[in-house]
Structure formats: structure tokens, C-alpha cells
Amino acid sequence: MTASPAGKPAGGRERAAQVRTLFSEIAHRYDVLNHVLSLNIDRRWRRRAVAALGWERAPGGSYLDACAGTLDLALELAARPGFRGRVAAADFALPMLVRGLPKIGRAPVAPVCGDAQRLPFAGESFAGATVGFGVRNLSNLRAGFEELHRVLRPDGRLVILEFAVPPGRLLRAAYMAYFNHVLPLVGRLVSGHPWAYAYLPASVRGFPAPEELADMLRRAGFAEAVWFPVSGGIAAIHVAEKTRRPGAAPRPGR
């Protein structure tokens, strides 16, 4: 499957097939490129995302990492001192999950091949959920947000780590120059994939701004949705919470 000559993301079912194909084909180089192209700053972003999850409220709970890729974010949570729960790591690109399997060791992480827009879990299954650099690739954002809302238990928290466009003029100009020229070239040379790293900047350019994404989370049912920039706005961390049902008693962590 190929992208358009400009690397623009497709839409609907074609978009979903495109994304699955893309990440399946670059899985063998994904981790190396992630760390090299982000100058390793992606590790710090993941630590901050896990810190925002508030897992300490239910340290023995069940958690979901959707669009889990090669499992880095799921493992970041599972490695927190005091964490006694389990993490279901779901992704619909099986080669990405397979690539992450050797990292698991004895960590309480269970990979699941599943689509974030049709999660294979019962409602109210998780004390919290994360998505790292994944919602940008969903063919239907609202469907994905509604699914994440469905599988969270009342008072559950969702944390999304995603790329953004920096607001500052100078940083934005440098960022876009890197994203539009350096990243596609290096990504193509290292991965050997003809269009994967042209898709990435195109997907960021066409993605809703953080304020709009927060509004979409609220429309999907989350009562609270806030965000804060990281690294000057190169990325953003969104934190949304599901409201407890009226009159429902608190439930212990699982």
C-alpha cells in the first residue's frame, strides 16, 4: 500500500489500513528511529505521561496502554516503584507488539492485538489508560475516545501523549523545518521505507490543536480534560477523567 505523493494521510478505512501497514513494515526499526529522531527526549516525555496518570490511587489496578506499539509506555508504567497492577498493551499492528515482546521479561505487561476504536475489553475494565503517540493515527478520533471512555471505570484517568506544533514563532519554524525535511530523509535512509516518515509530519500538520483535542475529549464523555505542553510545545500531555456515576459508591483499585 502507498501514501499519496505528498505523504498525506488517507481517511476512513483506507487510513486504518495505511497505518497498520506502515507500522507493521517499520516495526524492526521503530525503536531506534524513535530515540534517534527525538534525540532521546521521548523517554522523558513518557516518564511525565506516567506521572500524570495518578496510578498511585490504585497501585494494584488494571491499566490499559492503547496504541501500545513496541510497549515502551506500558513498560514505563509497569516499572514504577510501588506499582502492583497489570498493564494490557493493545495495538492493531501485530509486528509492533512482537518487536516489544523481548522487553517484557517479568514485567506485568500483557500484549493484546486489538484496535483502539473497537477495544476487546468489557466496559469499566481499567483504573486508568494511556496512549503514547497513537491517537494521531486513529481514523475516527471520536470513536477512539468513546471506546477509551467506555473501558475506563468511574473516576478513571486517561493520559494522552501526542505531538503538537509549538506556539513560539522561532521554535515552530525550526521544528517544522526539521519535521518536513530532516526527519523524512533520515527516517527513509534508516528504515528503508519509502513513505513512512513523510506520513509522520503530514499527520501532525493535519492533527487538531491541543485545545481542540481537549474539547473532543469532553464531547466524548470525559468531564475533565486539560493539557500542558512539554519541550516548548513540541508535544502535549492531555489528562482527562471519567466522571463517577451519580450515587455510585467508590470502588477499590483492581
Protein backbone atom coordinates (compact mmCIF):
# COMPACT_ATOMS: atom_id res chain seq x y z
CA MET A 1 0.00 0.00 0.00
CA THR A 2 1.24 3.51 -0.71
CA ALA A 3 0.51 7.01 0.51
CA SER A 4 -0.20 9.98 -1.70
CA PRO A 5 2.86 11.63 -3.27
CA ALA A 6 2.76 14.31 -0.57
CA GLY A 7 2.59 11.70 2.16
CA LYS A 8 -0.85 12.88 3.23
CA PRO A 9 -2.79 10.52 5.48
CA ALA A 10 -5.77 8.82 3.90
CA GLY A 11 -9.17 8.75 5.54
CA GLY A 12 -11.60 6.19 6.97
CA ARG A 13 -10.92 2.51 6.36
CA GLU A 14 -8.12 3.35 3.95
CA ARG A 15 -6.44 5.35 6.71
CA ALA A 16 -6.67 2.42 9.15
CA ALA A 17 -5.20 0.01 6.60
CA GLN A 18 -2.48 2.52 5.75
CA VAL A 19 -1.47 2.96 9.38
CA ARG A 20 -1.45 -0.79 10.09
CA THR A 21 0.70 -1.40 7.02
CA LEU A 22 3.08 1.43 7.83
CA PHE A 23 3.81 0.41 11.41
CA SER A 24 3.99 -3.26 10.52
CA GLU A 25 6.64 -2.51 7.91
CA ILE A 26 8.83 -0.25 10.09
CA ALA A 27 8.48 -2.23 13.35
CA HIS A 28 12.03 -3.60 13.09
CA ARG A 29 13.48 -0.06 13.12
CA TYR A 30 10.84 1.75 15.14
CA ASP A 31 12.63 1.96 18.50
CA VAL A 32 15.96 3.07 17.04
CA LEU A 33 14.33 5.76 14.93
CA ASN A 34 12.14 6.94 17.81
CA HIS A 35 15.10 7.57 20.09
CA VAL A 36 17.44 8.93 17.42
CA LEU A 37 14.97 11.28 15.76
CA SER A 38 13.73 12.64 19.10
CA LEU A 39 17.29 12.91 20.49
CA ASN A 40 16.09 10.54 23.25
CA ILE A 41 13.70 13.15 24.62
CA ASP A 42 10.81 10.74 24.05
CA ARG A 43 11.91 8.81 27.15
CA ARG A 44 11.43 11.89 29.33
CA TRP A 45 8.01 12.54 27.80
CA ARG A 46 6.89 9.02 28.65
CA ARG A 47 8.01 9.43 32.26
CA ARG A 48 5.98 12.62 32.52
CA ALA A 49 2.93 10.96 30.98
CA VAL A 50 3.05 8.13 33.51
CA ALA A 51 3.48 10.65 36.33
CA ALA A 52 0.28 12.38 35.16
CA LEU A 53 -1.72 9.12 35.24
CA GLY A 54 -2.10 9.13 39.03
CA TRP A 55 -1.72 5.35 39.20
CA GLU A 56 -0.84 5.69 42.90
CA ARG A 57 -4.58 5.98 43.58
CA ALA A 58 -4.93 2.32 42.56
CA PRO A 59 -1.42 0.78 42.52
CA GLY A 60 -2.84 -2.73 42.20
CA GLY A 61 -5.25 -1.83 39.41
CA SER A 62 -5.60 -2.95 35.82
CA TYR A 63 -4.42 -0.37 33.30
CA LEU A 64 -4.63 -0.04 29.54
CA ASP A 65 -1.99 1.25 27.15
CA ALA A 66 -3.75 1.71 23.82
CA CYS A 67 -1.83 2.04 20.54
CA ALA A 68 0.96 0.44 22.55
CA GLY A 69 3.44 -0.10 19.72
CA THR A 70 6.64 -1.72 20.99
CA LEU A 71 5.46 -1.41 24.61
CA ASP A 72 7.69 1.42 25.87
CA LEU A 73 4.91 3.36 27.61
CA ALA A 74 3.32 0.24 29.11
CA LEU A 75 6.71 -0.82 30.48
CA GLU A 76 7.35 2.66 31.86
CA LEU A 77 4.20 2.33 33.96
CA ALA A 78 4.89 -1.28 34.97
CA ALA A 79 8.38 -0.32 36.19
CA ARG A 80 7.22 2.38 38.62
CA PRO A 81 8.28 1.60 42.21
CA GLY A 82 5.18 0.57 44.13
CA PHE A 83 3.18 -0.44 41.07
CA ARG A 84 1.50 -3.79 41.77
CA GLY A 85 -1.06 -3.93 38.98
CA ARG A 86 -1.12 -5.14 35.39
CA VAL A 87 -1.00 -3.35 32.07
CA ALA A 88 -2.87 -4.53 28.98
CA ALA A 89 -0.92 -3.23 25.97
CA ALA A 90 -3.17 -3.11 22.90
CA ASP A 91 -2.15 -2.38 19.31
CA PHE A 92 -3.61 -3.45 15.98
CA ALA A 93 -0.20 -3.76 14.27
CA LEU A 94 0.93 -7.20 15.43
CA PRO A 95 4.59 -6.80 14.31
CA MET A 96 4.95 -3.83 16.67
CA LEU A 97 3.82 -5.92 19.63
CA VAL A 98 6.06 -8.80 18.58
CA ARG A 99 9.00 -6.41 18.43
CA GLY A 100 8.32 -5.37 22.01
CA LEU A 101 7.99 -8.89 23.45
CA PRO A 102 11.69 -9.32 24.38
CA LYS A 103 11.49 -6.20 26.55
CA ILE A 104 8.82 -7.57 28.85
CA GLY A 105 10.81 -10.03 30.92
CA ARG A 106 8.89 -10.40 34.19
CA ALA A 107 7.07 -7.07 33.90
CA PRO A 108 3.28 -7.27 34.41
CA VAL A 109 2.51 -6.33 30.81
CA ALA A 110 0.14 -8.36 28.62
CA PRO A 111 0.21 -7.56 24.86
CA VAL A 112 -3.16 -7.72 23.09
CA CYS A 113 -3.66 -7.33 19.35
CA GLY A 114 -6.68 -5.05 19.16
CA ASP A 115 -7.97 -1.86 17.56
CA ALA A 116 -8.28 1.21 19.83
CA GLN A 117 -11.58 2.02 18.08
CA ARG A 118 -13.02 -1.43 18.93
CA LEU A 119 -11.28 -2.47 22.11
CA PRO A 120 -11.66 -6.15 23.08
CA PHE A 121 -12.42 -5.38 26.73
CA ALA A 122 -15.56 -5.13 28.84
CA GLY A 123 -16.81 -1.76 29.99
CA GLU A 124 -15.23 -0.28 33.13
CA SER A 125 -12.30 -2.70 33.00
CA PHE A 126 -9.47 -0.29 33.77
CA ALA A 127 -8.44 2.07 36.54
CA GLY A 128 -6.58 4.21 34.01
CA ALA A 129 -5.39 4.34 30.42
CA THR A 130 -2.57 5.83 28.39
CA VAL A 131 -1.94 6.48 24.71
CA GLY A 132 1.51 7.50 23.51
CA PHE A 133 1.79 8.99 20.01
CA GLY A 134 -1.18 6.95 18.86
CA VAL A 135 -4.39 8.98 18.72
CA ARG A 136 -2.99 10.93 15.77
CA ASN A 137 -3.21 7.73 13.73
CA LEU A 138 -6.83 6.87 14.50
CA SER A 139 -9.16 7.02 11.52
CA ASN A 140 -12.01 8.18 13.81
CA LEU A 141 -10.91 10.17 16.83
CA ARG A 142 -14.34 10.36 18.40
CA ALA A 143 -14.82 6.59 18.17
CA GLY A 144 -11.43 6.06 19.78
CA PHE A 145 -12.16 8.50 22.62
CA GLU A 146 -15.57 6.97 23.23
CA GLU A 147 -14.03 3.49 23.42
CA LEU A 148 -11.42 4.67 25.90
CA HIS A 149 -14.19 6.28 27.96
CA ARG A 150 -16.20 3.03 27.84
CA VAL A 151 -13.43 0.79 29.18
CA LEU A 152 -12.43 3.15 31.99
CA ARG A 153 -14.08 2.68 35.34
CA PRO A 154 -15.74 5.72 37.01
CA ASP A 155 -13.05 8.18 38.17
CA GLY A 156 -10.59 6.53 35.76
CA ARG A 157 -8.00 8.79 34.18
CA LEU A 158 -6.84 8.89 30.57
CA VAL A 159 -3.43 10.35 29.68
CA ILE A 160 -2.54 11.06 26.06
CA LEU A 161 0.97 11.97 24.94
CA GLU A 162 0.99 13.38 21.43
CA PHE A 163 2.97 15.62 19.12
CA ALA A 164 1.89 19.24 18.72
CA VAL A 165 3.03 22.31 16.83
CA PRO A 166 4.99 24.73 19.09
CA PRO A 167 3.29 28.13 19.57
CA GLY A 168 6.53 30.15 19.60
CA ARG A 169 7.44 31.53 16.17
CA LEU A 170 11.17 30.67 16.18
CA LEU A 171 10.78 27.23 17.71
CA ARG A 172 7.87 26.47 15.38
CA ALA A 173 9.95 27.43 12.33
CA ALA A 174 12.89 25.24 13.44
CA TYR A 175 10.56 22.39 14.38
CA MET A 176 8.72 22.40 11.07
CA ALA A 177 11.98 22.59 9.12
CA TYR A 178 13.22 19.53 10.99
CA PHE A 179 9.91 17.71 10.67
CA ASN A 180 9.41 18.46 6.98
CA HIS A 181 12.97 17.94 5.72
CA VAL A 182 15.41 16.27 8.13
CA LEU A 183 13.09 13.68 9.69
CA PRO A 184 11.71 12.26 6.40
CA LEU A 185 15.20 11.98 4.93
CA VAL A 186 16.82 10.29 7.95
CA GLY A 187 13.75 8.12 8.52
CA ARG A 188 13.74 6.92 4.92
CA LEU A 189 17.50 6.17 4.96
CA VAL A 190 17.45 4.26 8.26
CA SER A 191 14.12 2.46 7.91
CA GLY A 192 14.34 1.79 4.18
CA HIS A 193 10.64 2.65 3.96
CA PRO A 194 9.76 4.97 1.06
CA TRP A 195 6.98 6.99 2.70
CA ALA A 196 6.62 6.22 6.42
CA TYR A 197 8.48 9.29 7.59
CA ALA A 198 6.70 11.57 5.14
CA TYR A 199 3.44 10.38 6.73
CA LEU A 200 4.55 11.47 10.21
CA PRO A 201 4.88 15.25 9.58
CA ALA A 202 1.74 15.18 7.43
CA SER A 203 -0.20 13.52 10.26
CA VAL A 204 1.00 16.16 12.74
CA ARG A 205 0.14 19.07 10.44
CA GLY A 206 -3.39 17.77 9.99
CA PHE A 207 -3.99 16.93 13.67
CA PRO A 208 -6.24 19.07 15.91
CA ALA A 209 -4.51 21.62 18.14
CA PRO A 210 -4.34 20.71 21.86
CA GLU A 211 -7.26 22.98 22.77
CA GLU A 212 -9.45 21.32 20.13
CA LEU A 213 -8.38 17.86 21.23
CA ALA A 214 -9.39 18.68 24.82
CA ASP A 215 -12.83 19.77 23.55
CA MET A 216 -13.16 16.49 21.64
CA LEU A 217 -12.40 14.52 24.81
CA ARG A 218 -15.14 16.40 26.64
CA ARG A 219 -17.61 15.72 23.82
CA ALA A 220 -16.72 12.02 24.04
CA GLY A 221 -17.92 11.98 27.65
CA PHE A 222 -14.93 12.98 29.75
CA ALA A 223 -15.95 15.51 32.39
CA GLU A 224 -12.47 16.91 32.86
CA ALA A 225 -9.90 17.38 30.10
CA VAL A 226 -6.81 19.53 30.49
CA TRP A 227 -3.45 19.61 28.76
CA PHE A 228 0.03 21.01 29.19
CA PRO A 229 2.89 21.45 26.72
CA VAL A 230 6.24 19.69 27.02
CA SER A 231 9.55 20.75 25.49
CA GLY A 232 8.26 24.13 24.41
CA GLY A 233 5.10 22.71 22.85
CA ILE A 234 6.75 20.10 20.62
CA ALA A 235 4.43 17.65 22.34
CA ALA A 236 1.47 17.89 24.70
CA ILE A 237 0.19 15.74 27.53
CA HIS A 238 -3.60 15.55 27.85
CA VAL A 239 -5.25 14.41 31.08
CA ALA A 240 -8.95 13.51 31.07
CA GLU A 241 -11.13 11.95 33.73
CA LYS A 242 -14.31 9.92 33.56
CA THR A 243 -17.00 11.08 35.98
CA ARG A 244 -18.34 8.75 38.62
CA ARG A 245 -21.95 7.73 38.02
CA PRO A 246 -24.37 9.72 40.23
CA GLY A 247 -24.91 7.93 43.52
CA ALA A 248 -22.26 5.28 42.81
CA ALA A 249 -20.05 4.26 45.71
CA PRO A 250 -16.26 4.39 45.29
CA ARG A 251 -14.74 1.13 44.06
CA PRO A 252 -11.41 -0.18 45.32
CA GLY A 253 -8.46 -0.42 42.92
CA ARG A 254 -8.23 -3.67 40.95
